[in-house]
């Protein structure tokens, strides 16, 4: 495959993805993060296959970089989602319905 065509598709997809993500409401952030975590999980499986396969060294290095980037995305997505869910929890820990 032509490297310039591949680079063009990557840059175009990056700009389109950034434009779509910017327009998402804050209320939809958590479902969106779960979708991106699922896509990153697919990328992790693919990058593990590429990194451990019998490919040239430069392709295996790119697979390792993709593995690192995908895992970073998954972990940070879970951390951000956990932080956002904590914002919606109440501070009242009493189990008696608020009665003293």
PDB file of N, CA and C in Angstrom:
ATOM      1  N   UNK A   1       0.850  -1.175   0.000  1.00  0.00           N
ATOM      2  CA  UNK A   1       0.000   0.000   0.000  1.00  0.00           C
ATOM      3  C   UNK A   1       0.897   1.240   0.000  1.00  0.00           C
ATOM      4  N   UNK A   2       0.459   2.241  -0.691  1.00  0.00           N
ATOM      5  CA  UNK A   2       1.225   3.482  -0.790  1.00  0.00           C
ATOM      6  C   UNK A   2       1.251   4.201   0.560  1.00  0.00           C
ATOM      7  N   UNK A   3       2.441   4.595   1.010  1.00  0.00           N
ATOM      8  CA  UNK A   3       2.597   5.236   2.311  1.00  0.00           C
ATOM      9  C   UNK A   3       1.883   6.587   2.372  1.00  0.00           C
ATOM     10  N   UNK A   4       1.854   7.304   1.266  1.00  0.00           N
ATOM     11  CA  UNK A   4       1.204   8.618   1.262  1.00  0.00           C
ATOM     12  C   UNK A   4      -0.310   8.495   1.373  1.00  0.00           C
ATOM     13  N   UNK A   5      -0.868   7.482   0.733  1.00  0.00           N
ATOM     14  CA  UNK A   5      -2.311   7.256   0.845  1.00  0.00           C
ATOM     15  C   UNK A   5      -2.680   6.859   2.282  1.00  0.00           C
ATOM     16  N   UNK A   6      -1.849   6.033   2.875  1.00  0.00           N
ATOM     17  CA  UNK A   6      -2.088   5.620   4.248  1.00  0.00           C
ATOM     18  C   UNK A   6      -1.981   6.804   5.198  1.00  0.00           C
ATOM     19  N   UNK A   7      -0.980   7.628   5.021  1.00  0.00           N
ATOM     20  CA  UNK A   7      -0.799   8.811   5.850  1.00  0.00           C
ATOM     21  C   UNK A   7      -1.957   9.788   5.669  1.00  0.00           C
ATOM     22  N   UNK A   8      -2.420   9.939   4.432  1.00  0.00           N
ATOM     23  CA  UNK A   8      -3.547  10.818   4.148  1.00  0.00           C
ATOM     24  C   UNK A   8      -4.806  10.349   4.869  1.00  0.00           C
ATOM     25  N   UNK A   9      -5.082   9.048   4.837  1.00  0.00           N
ATOM     26  CA  UNK A   9      -6.256   8.504   5.503  1.00  0.00           C
ATOM     27  C   UNK A   9      -6.138   8.685   7.019  1.00  0.00           C
ATOM     28  N   UNK A  10      -4.941   8.485   7.560  1.00  0.00           N
ATOM     29  CA  UNK A  10      -4.728   8.656   8.998  1.00  0.00           C
ATOM     30  C   UNK A  10      -4.986  10.091   9.433  1.00  0.00           C
ATOM     31  N   UNK A  11      -4.439  11.050   8.706  1.00  0.00           N
ATOM     32  CA  UNK A  11      -4.619  12.466   9.065  1.00  0.00           C
ATOM     33  C   UNK A  11      -6.086  12.869   8.909  1.00  0.00           C
ATOM     34  N   UNK A  12      -6.711  12.436   7.843  1.00  0.00           N
ATOM     35  CA  UNK A  12      -8.120  12.750   7.623  1.00  0.00           C
ATOM     36  C   UNK A  12      -8.986  12.147   8.725  1.00  0.00           C
ATOM     37  N   UNK A  13      -8.743  10.897   9.090  1.00  0.00           N
ATOM     38  CA  UNK A  13      -9.512  10.256  10.158  1.00  0.00           C
ATOM     39  C   UNK A  13      -9.283  10.952  11.496  1.00  0.00           C
ATOM     40  N   UNK A  14      -8.065  11.426  11.725  1.00  0.00           N
ATOM     41  CA  UNK A  14      -7.776  12.135  12.979  1.00  0.00           C
ATOM     42  C   UNK A  14      -8.577  13.419  13.077  1.00  0.00           C
ATOM     43  N   UNK A  15      -8.604  14.208  12.005  1.00  0.00           N
ATOM     44  CA  UNK A  15      -9.355  15.463  12.025  1.00  0.00           C
ATOM     45  C   UNK A  15     -10.861  15.229  12.125  1.00  0.00           C
ATOM     46  N   UNK A  16     -11.367  14.233  11.430  1.00  0.00           N
ATOM     47  CA  UNK A  16     -12.796  13.934  11.504  1.00  0.00           C
ATOM     48  C   UNK A  16     -13.156  13.439  12.905  1.00  0.00           C
ATOM     49  N   UNK A  17     -12.334  12.572  13.464  1.00  0.00           N
ATOM     50  CA  UNK A  17     -12.578  12.082  14.821  1.00  0.00           C
ATOM     51  C   UNK A  17     -12.555  13.193  15.845  1.00  0.00           C
ATOM     52  N   UNK A  18     -11.601  14.106  15.710  1.00  0.00           N
ATOM     53  CA  UNK A  18     -11.520  15.239  16.626  1.00  0.00           C
ATOM     54  C   UNK A  18     -12.756  16.129  16.505  1.00  0.00           C
ATOM     55  N   UNK A  19     -13.216  16.353  15.292  1.00  0.00           N
ATOM     56  CA  UNK A  19     -14.417  17.168  15.085  1.00  0.00           C
ATOM     57  C   UNK A  19     -15.662  16.525  15.665  1.00  0.00           C
ATOM     58  N   UNK A  20     -15.773  15.205  15.532  1.00  0.00           N
ATOM     59  CA  UNK A  20     -16.936  14.496  16.075  1.00  0.00           C
ATOM     60  C   UNK A  20     -16.899  14.504  17.600  1.00  0.00           C
ATOM     61  N   UNK A  21     -15.751  14.242  18.183  1.00  0.00           N
ATOM     62  CA  UNK A  21     -15.626  14.177  19.639  1.00  0.00           C
ATOM     63  C   UNK A  21     -15.908  15.541  20.273  1.00  0.00           C
ATOM     64  N   UNK A  22     -15.481  16.611  19.634  1.00  0.00           N
ATOM     65  CA  UNK A  22     -15.696  17.947  20.193  1.00  0.00           C
ATOM     66  C   UNK A  22     -17.174  18.309  20.286  1.00  0.00           C
ATOM     67  N   UNK A  23     -17.986  17.760  19.418  1.00  0.00           N
ATOM     68  CA  UNK A  23     -19.398  18.122  19.378  1.00  0.00           C
ATOM     69  C   UNK A  23     -20.271  17.240  20.272  1.00  0.00           C
ATOM     70  N   UNK A  24     -19.679  16.320  20.991  1.00  0.00           N
ATOM     71  CA  UNK A  24     -20.447  15.425  21.854  1.00  0.00           C
ATOM     72  C   UNK A  24     -20.765  16.133  23.168  1.00  0.00           C
ATOM     73  N   UNK A  25     -22.010  15.998  23.601  1.00  0.00           N
ATOM     74  CA  UNK A  25     -22.443  16.586  24.861  1.00  0.00           C
ATOM     75  C   UNK A  25     -21.688  15.944  26.023  1.00  0.00           C
ATOM     76  N   UNK A  26     -21.524  16.702  27.084  1.00  0.00           N
ATOM     77  CA  UNK A  26     -20.833  16.161  28.267  1.00  0.00           C
ATOM     78  C   UNK A  26     -21.607  15.007  28.890  1.00  0.00           C
ATOM     79  N   UNK A  27     -22.919  14.987  28.722  1.00  0.00           N
ATOM     80  CA  UNK A  27     -23.723  13.899  29.277  1.00  0.00           C
ATOM     81  C   UNK A  27     -23.458  12.575  28.574  1.00  0.00           C
ATOM     82  N   UNK A  28     -23.004  12.652  27.340  1.00  0.00           N
ATOM     83  CA  UNK A  28     -22.732  11.434  26.576  1.00  0.00           C
ATOM     84  C   UNK A  28     -21.273  11.006  26.674  1.00  0.00           C
ATOM     85  N   UNK A  29     -20.495  11.665  27.504  1.00  0.00           N
ATOM     86  CA  UNK A  29     -19.061  11.383  27.562  1.00  0.00           C
ATOM     87  C   UNK A  29     -18.779   9.952  28.020  1.00  0.00           C
ATOM     88  N   UNK A  30     -19.460   9.491  29.055  1.00  0.00           N
ATOM     89  CA  UNK A  30     -19.192   8.146  29.575  1.00  0.00           C
ATOM     90  C   UNK A  30     -19.551   7.057  28.564  1.00  0.00           C
ATOM     91  N   UNK A  31     -20.728   7.100  27.907  1.00  0.00           N
ATOM     92  CA  UNK A  31     -20.976   6.085  26.871  1.00  0.00           C
ATOM     93  C   UNK A  31     -19.971   6.166  25.716  1.00  0.00           C
ATOM     94  N   UNK A  32     -19.553   7.371  25.379  1.00  0.00           N
ATOM     95  CA  UNK A  32     -18.577   7.520  24.309  1.00  0.00           C
ATOM     96  C   UNK A  32     -17.239   6.900  24.701  1.00  0.00           C
ATOM     97  N   UNK A  33     -16.855   7.072  25.972  1.00  0.00           N
ATOM     98  CA  UNK A  33     -15.595   6.487  26.436  1.00  0.00           C
ATOM     99  C   UNK A  33     -15.664   4.966  26.399  1.00  0.00           C
ATOM    100  N   UNK A  34     -16.812   4.387  26.714  1.00  0.00           N
ATOM    101  CA  UNK A  34     -16.909   2.934  26.669  1.00  0.00           C
ATOM    102  C   UNK A  34     -16.807   2.425  25.235  1.00  0.00           C
ATOM    103  N   UNK A  35     -17.314   3.189  24.281  1.00  0.00           N
ATOM    104  CA  UNK A  35     -17.190   2.804  22.875  1.00  0.00           C
ATOM    105  C   UNK A  35     -15.732   2.901  22.425  1.00  0.00           C
ATOM    106  N   UNK A  36     -15.054   3.978  22.807  1.00  0.00           N
ATOM    107  CA  UNK A  36     -13.653   4.110  22.407  1.00  0.00           C
ATOM    108  C   UNK A  36     -12.781   3.078  23.114  1.00  0.00           C
ATOM    109  N   UNK A  37     -13.145   2.693  24.329  1.00  0.00           N
ATOM    110  CA  UNK A  37     -12.400   1.622  24.992  1.00  0.00           C
ATOM    111  C   UNK A  37     -12.585   0.301  24.253  1.00  0.00           C
ATOM    112  N   UNK A  38     -13.774   0.041  23.746  1.00  0.00           N
ATOM    113  CA  UNK A  38     -14.000  -1.182  22.976  1.00  0.00           C
ATOM    114  C   UNK A  38     -13.183  -1.170  21.687  1.00  0.00           C
ATOM    115  N   UNK A  39     -13.131  -0.024  21.018  1.00  0.00           N
ATOM    116  CA  UNK A  39     -12.321   0.063  19.793  1.00  0.00           C
ATOM    117  C   UNK A  39     -10.836  -0.075  20.109  1.00  0.00           C
ATOM    118  N   UNK A  40     -10.408   0.485  21.225  1.00  0.00           N
ATOM    119  CA  UNK A  40      -9.008   0.338  21.611  1.00  0.00           C
ATOM    120  C   UNK A  40      -8.684  -1.104  21.959  1.00  0.00           C
ATOM    121  N   UNK A  41      -9.639  -1.823  22.518  1.00  0.00           N
ATOM    122  CA  UNK A  41      -9.411  -3.235  22.817  1.00  0.00           C
ATOM    123  C   UNK A  41      -9.186  -4.033  21.542  1.00  0.00           C
ATOM    124  N   UNK A  42      -9.919  -3.691  20.487  1.00  0.00           N
ATOM    125  CA  UNK A  42      -9.703  -4.335  19.192  1.00  0.00           C
ATOM    126  C   UNK A  42      -8.304  -3.998  18.671  1.00  0.00           C
ATOM    127  N   UNK A  43      -7.889  -2.739  18.842  1.00  0.00           N
ATOM    128  CA  UNK A  43      -6.545  -2.332  18.417  1.00  0.00           C
ATOM    129  C   UNK A  43      -5.467  -3.038  19.228  1.00  0.00           C
ATOM    130  N   UNK A  44      -5.732  -3.304  20.518  1.00  0.00           N
ATOM    131  CA  UNK A  44      -4.762  -4.028  21.347  1.00  0.00           C
ATOM    132  C   UNK A  44      -4.578  -5.447  20.817  1.00  0.00           C
ATOM    133  N   UNK A  45      -5.661  -6.120  20.494  1.00  0.00           N
ATOM    134  CA  UNK A  45      -5.561  -7.486  19.980  1.00  0.00           C
ATOM    135  C   UNK A  45      -4.786  -7.502  18.661  1.00  0.00           C
ATOM    136  N   UNK A  46      -5.106  -6.563  17.784  1.00  0.00           N
ATOM    137  CA  UNK A  46      -4.387  -6.493  16.511  1.00  0.00           C
ATOM    138  C   UNK A  46      -2.915  -6.174  16.678  1.00  0.00           C
ATOM    139  N   UNK A  47      -2.605  -5.256  17.588  1.00  0.00           N
ATOM    140  CA  UNK A  47      -1.205  -4.888  17.774  1.00  0.00           C
ATOM    141  C   UNK A  47      -0.416  -5.997  18.463  1.00  0.00           C
ATOM    142  N   UNK A  48      -1.060  -6.788  19.321  1.00  0.00           N
ATOM    143  CA  UNK A  48      -0.375  -7.945  19.904  1.00  0.00           C
ATOM    144  C   UNK A  48      -0.051  -8.969  18.821  1.00  0.00           C
ATOM    145  N   UNK A  49      -0.981  -9.182  17.909  1.00  0.00           N
ATOM    146  CA  UNK A  49      -0.744 -10.115  16.811  1.00  0.00           C
ATOM    147  C   UNK A  49       0.404  -9.633  15.938  1.00  0.00           C
ATOM    148  N   UNK A  50       0.428  -8.340  15.639  1.00  0.00           N
ATOM    149  CA  UNK A  50       1.489  -7.798  14.791  1.00  0.00           C
ATOM    150  C   UNK A  50       2.829  -7.815  15.513  1.00  0.00           C
ATOM    151  N   UNK A  51       2.834  -7.444  16.797  1.00  0.00           N
ATOM    152  CA  UNK A  51       4.087  -7.376  17.541  1.00  0.00           C
ATOM    153  C   UNK A  51       4.699  -8.761  17.724  1.00  0.00           C
ATOM    154  N   UNK A  52       3.876  -9.763  17.949  1.00  0.00           N
ATOM    155  CA  UNK A  52       4.397 -11.108  18.171  1.00  0.00           C
ATOM    156  C   UNK A  52       4.535 -11.942  16.918  1.00  0.00           C
ATOM    157  N   UNK A  53       4.119 -11.423  15.782  1.00  0.00           N
ATOM    158  CA  UNK A  53       4.161 -12.182  14.545  1.00  0.00           C
ATOM    159  C   UNK A  53       5.531 -12.173  13.882  1.00  0.00           C
ATOM    160  N   UNK A  54       5.601 -12.890  12.786  1.00  0.00           N
ATOM    161  CA  UNK A  54       6.842 -12.985  12.022  1.00  0.00           C
ATOM    162  C   UNK A  54       6.838 -11.922  10.918  1.00  0.00           C
ATOM    163  N   UNK A  55       6.974 -10.674  11.348  1.00  0.00           N
ATOM    164  CA  UNK A  55       6.992  -9.535  10.442  1.00  0.00           C
ATOM    165  C   UNK A  55       8.359  -8.866  10.508  1.00  0.00           C
ATOM    166  N   UNK A  56       8.665  -8.002   9.563  1.00  0.00           N
ATOM    167  CA  UNK A  56       9.937  -7.256   9.651  1.00  0.00           C
ATOM    168  C   UNK A  56       9.992  -6.419  10.936  1.00  0.00           C
ATOM    169  N   UNK A  57      11.202  -6.085  11.339  1.00  0.00           N
ATOM    170  CA  UNK A  57      11.415  -5.404  12.613  1.00  0.00           C
ATOM    171  C   UNK A  57      10.672  -4.077  12.686  1.00  0.00           C
ATOM    172  N   UNK A  58      10.676  -3.298  11.623  1.00  0.00           N
ATOM    173  CA  UNK A  58      10.019  -1.991  11.675  1.00  0.00           C
ATOM    174  C   UNK A  58       8.513  -2.127  11.871  1.00  0.00           C
ATOM    175  N   UNK A  59       7.912  -3.165  11.328  1.00  0.00           N
ATOM    176  CA  UNK A  59       6.478  -3.379  11.510  1.00  0.00           C
ATOM    177  C   UNK A  59       6.192  -3.834  12.935  1.00  0.00           C
ATOM    178  N   UNK A  60       7.062  -4.672  13.489  1.00  0.00           N
ATOM    179  CA  UNK A  60       6.873  -5.097  14.880  1.00  0.00           C
ATOM    180  C   UNK A  60       7.053  -3.928  15.845  1.00  0.00           C
ATOM    181  N   UNK A  61       7.961  -3.007  15.528  1.00  0.00           N
ATOM    182  CA  UNK A  61       8.135  -1.806  16.360  1.00  0.00           C
ATOM    183  C   UNK A  61       6.880  -0.943  16.302  1.00  0.00           C
ATOM    184  N   UNK A  62       6.315  -0.783  15.108  1.00  0.00           N
ATOM    185  CA  UNK A  62       5.060  -0.029  14.988  1.00  0.00           C
ATOM    186  C   UNK A  62       3.930  -0.727  15.744  1.00  0.00           C
ATOM    187  N   UNK A  63       3.927  -2.055  15.739  1.00  0.00           N
ATOM    188  CA  UNK A  63       2.935  -2.801  16.518  1.00  0.00           C
ATOM    189  C   UNK A  63       3.090  -2.563  18.006  1.00  0.00           C
ATOM    190  N   UNK A  64       4.343  -2.497  18.479  1.00  0.00           N
ATOM    191  CA  UNK A  64       4.586  -2.227  19.897  1.00  0.00           C
ATOM    192  C   UNK A  64       4.148  -0.813  20.262  1.00  0.00           C
ATOM    193  N   UNK A  65       4.391   0.145  19.381  1.00  0.00           N
ATOM    194  CA  UNK A  65       3.940   1.523  19.627  1.00  0.00           C
ATOM    195  C   UNK A  65       2.418   1.578  19.661  1.00  0.00           C
ATOM    196  N   UNK A  66       1.772   0.861  18.735  1.00  0.00           N
ATOM    197  CA  UNK A  66       0.305   0.818  18.728  1.00  0.00           C
ATOM    198  C   UNK A  66      -0.235   0.153  19.987  1.00  0.00           C
ATOM    199  N   UNK A  67       0.450  -0.871  20.459  1.00  0.00           N
ATOM    200  CA  UNK A  67       0.039  -1.533  21.700  1.00  0.00           C
ATOM    201  C   UNK A  67       0.130  -0.572  22.878  1.00  0.00           C
ATOM    202  N   UNK A  68       1.233   0.162  22.963  1.00  0.00           N
ATOM    203  CA  UNK A  68       1.402   1.130  24.045  1.00  0.00           C
ATOM    204  C   UNK A  68       0.339   2.234  23.980  1.00  0.00           C
ATOM    205  N   UNK A  69       0.089   2.751  22.784  1.00  0.00           N
ATOM    206  CA  UNK A  69      -0.899   3.827  22.635  1.00  0.00           C
ATOM    207  C   UNK A  69      -2.307   3.340  22.971  1.00  0.00           C
ATOM    208  N   UNK A  70      -2.656   2.160  22.532  1.00  0.00           N
ATOM    209  CA  UNK A  70      -3.992   1.629  22.812  1.00  0.00           C
ATOM    210  C   UNK A  70      -4.185   1.343  24.293  1.00  0.00           C
ATOM    211  N   UNK A  71      -3.174   0.773  24.922  1.00  0.00           N
ATOM    212  CA  UNK A  71      -3.288   0.497  26.357  1.00  0.00           C
ATOM    213  C   UNK A  71      -3.363   1.793  27.159  1.00  0.00           C
ATOM    214  N   UNK A  72      -2.608   2.805  26.745  1.00  0.00           N
ATOM    215  CA  UNK A  72      -2.686   4.099  27.412  1.00  0.00           C
ATOM    216  C   UNK A  72      -4.084   4.687  27.270  1.00  0.00           C
ATOM    217  N   UNK A  73      -4.667   4.554  26.100  1.00  0.00           N
ATOM    218  CA  UNK A  73      -6.021   5.058  25.863  1.00  0.00           C
ATOM    219  C   UNK A  73      -7.043   4.322  26.720  1.00  0.00           C
ATOM    220  N   UNK A  74      -6.909   3.014  26.836  1.00  0.00           N
ATOM    221  CA  UNK A  74      -7.861   2.243  27.630  1.00  0.00           C
ATOM    222  C   UNK A  74      -7.762   2.611  29.108  1.00  0.00           C
ATOM    223  N   UNK A  75      -6.548   2.627  29.629  1.00  0.00           N
ATOM    224  CA  UNK A  75      -6.364   2.926  31.055  1.00  0.00           C
ATOM    225  C   UNK A  75      -6.833   4.342  31.382  1.00  0.00           C
ATOM    226  N   UNK A  76      -6.450   5.305  30.557  1.00  0.00           N
ATOM    227  CA  UNK A  76      -6.886   6.679  30.827  1.00  0.00           C
ATOM    228  C   UNK A  76      -8.392   6.820  30.653  1.00  0.00           C
ATOM    229  N   UNK A  77      -8.988   6.091  29.726  1.00  0.00           N
ATOM    230  CA  UNK A  77     -10.439   6.122  29.566  1.00  0.00           C
ATOM    231  C   UNK A  77     -11.162   5.614  30.801  1.00  0.00           C
ATOM    232  N   UNK A  78     -10.657   4.523  31.377  1.00  0.00           N
ATOM    233  CA  UNK A  78     -11.264   4.015  32.605  1.00  0.00           C
ATOM    234  C   UNK A  78     -11.074   4.999  33.752  1.00  0.00           C
ATOM    235  N   UNK A  79      -9.914   5.608  33.852  1.00  0.00           N
ATOM    236  CA  UNK A  79      -9.676   6.575  34.928  1.00  0.00           C
ATOM    237  C   UNK A  79     -10.582   7.795  34.800  1.00  0.00           C
ATOM    238  N   UNK A  80     -10.733   8.291  33.583  1.00  0.00           N
ATOM    239  CA  UNK A  80     -11.589   9.460  33.362  1.00  0.00           C
ATOM    240  C   UNK A  80     -13.050   9.108  33.635  1.00  0.00           C
ATOM    241  N   UNK A  81     -13.493   7.944  33.170  1.00  0.00           N
ATOM    242  CA  UNK A  81     -14.870   7.527  33.406  1.00  0.00           C
ATOM    243  C   UNK A  81     -15.132   7.348  34.898  1.00  0.00           C
ATOM    244  N   UNK A  82     -14.194   6.755  35.608  1.00  0.00           N
ATOM    245  CA  UNK A  82     -14.347   6.587  37.053  1.00  0.00           C
ATOM    246  C   UNK A  82     -14.430   7.941  37.745  1.00  0.00           C
ATOM    247  N   UNK A  83     -13.615   8.866  37.332  1.00  0.00           N
ATOM    248  CA  UNK A  83     -13.641  10.204  37.928  1.00  0.00           C
ATOM    249  C   UNK A  83     -14.964  10.910  37.651  1.00  0.00           C
ATOM    250  N   UNK A  84     -15.488  10.762  36.435  1.00  0.00           N
ATOM    251  CA  UNK A  84     -16.766  11.402  36.112  1.00  0.00           C
ATOM    252  C   UNK A  84     -17.914  10.752  36.883  1.00  0.00           C
ATOM    253  N   UNK A  85     -17.873   9.433  37.067  1.00  0.00           N
ATOM    254  CA  UNK A  85     -18.933   8.767  37.818  1.00  0.00           C
ATOM    255  C   UNK A  85     -18.895   9.161  39.293  1.00  0.00           C
ATOM    256  N   UNK A  86     -17.718   9.413  39.834  1.00  0.00           N
ATOM    257  CA  UNK A  86     -17.610   9.862  41.221  1.00  0.00           C
ATOM    258  C   UNK A  86     -18.233  11.238  41.411  1.00  0.00           C
ATOM    259  N   UNK A  87     -18.286  12.046  40.356  1.00  0.00           N
ATOM    260  CA  UNK A  87     -18.898  13.369  40.460  1.00  0.00           C
ATOM    261  C   UNK A  87     -20.402  13.257  40.709  1.00  0.00           C
ATOM    262  N   UNK A  88     -21.029  12.166  40.277  1.00  0.00           N
ATOM    263  CA  UNK A  88     -22.472  12.009  40.417  1.00  0.00           C
ATOM    264  C   UNK A  88     -22.868  11.311  41.712  1.00  0.00           C
ATOM    265  N   UNK A  89     -21.910  10.785  42.467  1.00  0.00           N
ATOM    266  CA  UNK A  89     -22.223  10.118  43.720  1.00  0.00           C
ATOM    267  C   UNK A  89     -22.452  11.153  44.808  1.00  0.00           C
ATOM    268  N   UNK A  90     -23.363  10.802  45.702  1.00  0.00           N
ATOM    269  CA  UNK A  90     -23.627  11.703  46.829  1.00  0.00           C
ATOM    270  C   UNK A  90     -22.661  11.388  47.962  1.00  0.00           C
ATOM    271  N   UNK A  91     -22.467  12.367  48.833  1.00  0.00           N
ATOM    272  CA  UNK A  91     -21.556  12.203  49.951  1.00  0.00           C
ATOM    273  C   UNK A  91     -22.203  11.542  51.148  1.00  0.00           C
ATOM    274  N   UNK A  92     -23.522  11.298  51.102  1.00  0.00           N
ATOM    275  CA  UNK A  92     -24.258  10.719  52.224  1.00  0.00           C
ATOM    276  C   UNK A  92     -24.028   9.210  52.251  1.00  0.00           C
ATOM    277  N   UNK A  93     -23.344   8.717  53.277  1.00  0.00           N
ATOM    278  CA  UNK A  93     -23.014   7.292  53.388  1.00  0.00           C
ATOM    279  C   UNK A  93     -23.928   6.565  54.371  1.00  0.00           C
ATOM    280  N   UNK A  94     -24.882   7.263  54.980  1.00  0.00           N
ATOM    281  CA  UNK A  94     -25.752   6.624  55.966  1.00  0.00           C
ATOM    282  C   UNK A  94     -26.742   5.698  55.294  1.00  0.00           C
ATOM    283  N   UNK A  95     -26.962   4.558  55.899  1.00  0.00           N
ATOM    284  CA  UNK A  95     -27.881   3.594  55.326  1.00  0.00           C
ATOM    285  C   UNK A  95     -29.291   3.684  55.874  1.00  0.00           C
ATOM    286  N   UNK A  96     -29.567   4.665  56.736  1.00  0.00           N
ATOM    287  CA  UNK A  96     -30.895   4.742  57.354  1.00  0.00           C
ATOM    288  C   UNK A  96     -31.796   5.758  56.637  1.00  0.00           C
ATOM    289  N   UNK A  97     -31.501   6.100  55.423  1.00  0.00           N
ATOM    290  CA  UNK A  97     -32.362   7.001  54.675  1.00  0.00           C
ATOM    291  C   UNK A  97     -32.223   8.437  55.077  1.00  0.00           C
ATOM    292  N   UNK A  98     -31.161   8.813  55.768  1.00  0.00           N
ATOM    293  CA  UNK A  98     -30.928  10.198  56.155  1.00  0.00           C
ATOM    294  C   UNK A  98     -31.493  10.559  57.496  1.00  0.00           C
ATOM    295  N   UNK A  99     -32.083   9.576  58.231  1.00  0.00           N
ATOM    296  CA  UNK A  99     -32.632   9.876  59.557  1.00  0.00           C
ATOM    297  C   UNK A  99     -31.546   9.809  60.613  1.00  0.00           C
ATOM    298  N   UNK A 100     -31.605  10.693  61.564  1.00  0.00           N
ATOM    299  CA  UNK A 100     -30.606  10.722  62.649  1.00  0.00           C
ATOM    300  C   UNK A 100     -31.063   9.963  63.853  1.00  0.00           C
TER     301      UNK A 100
END
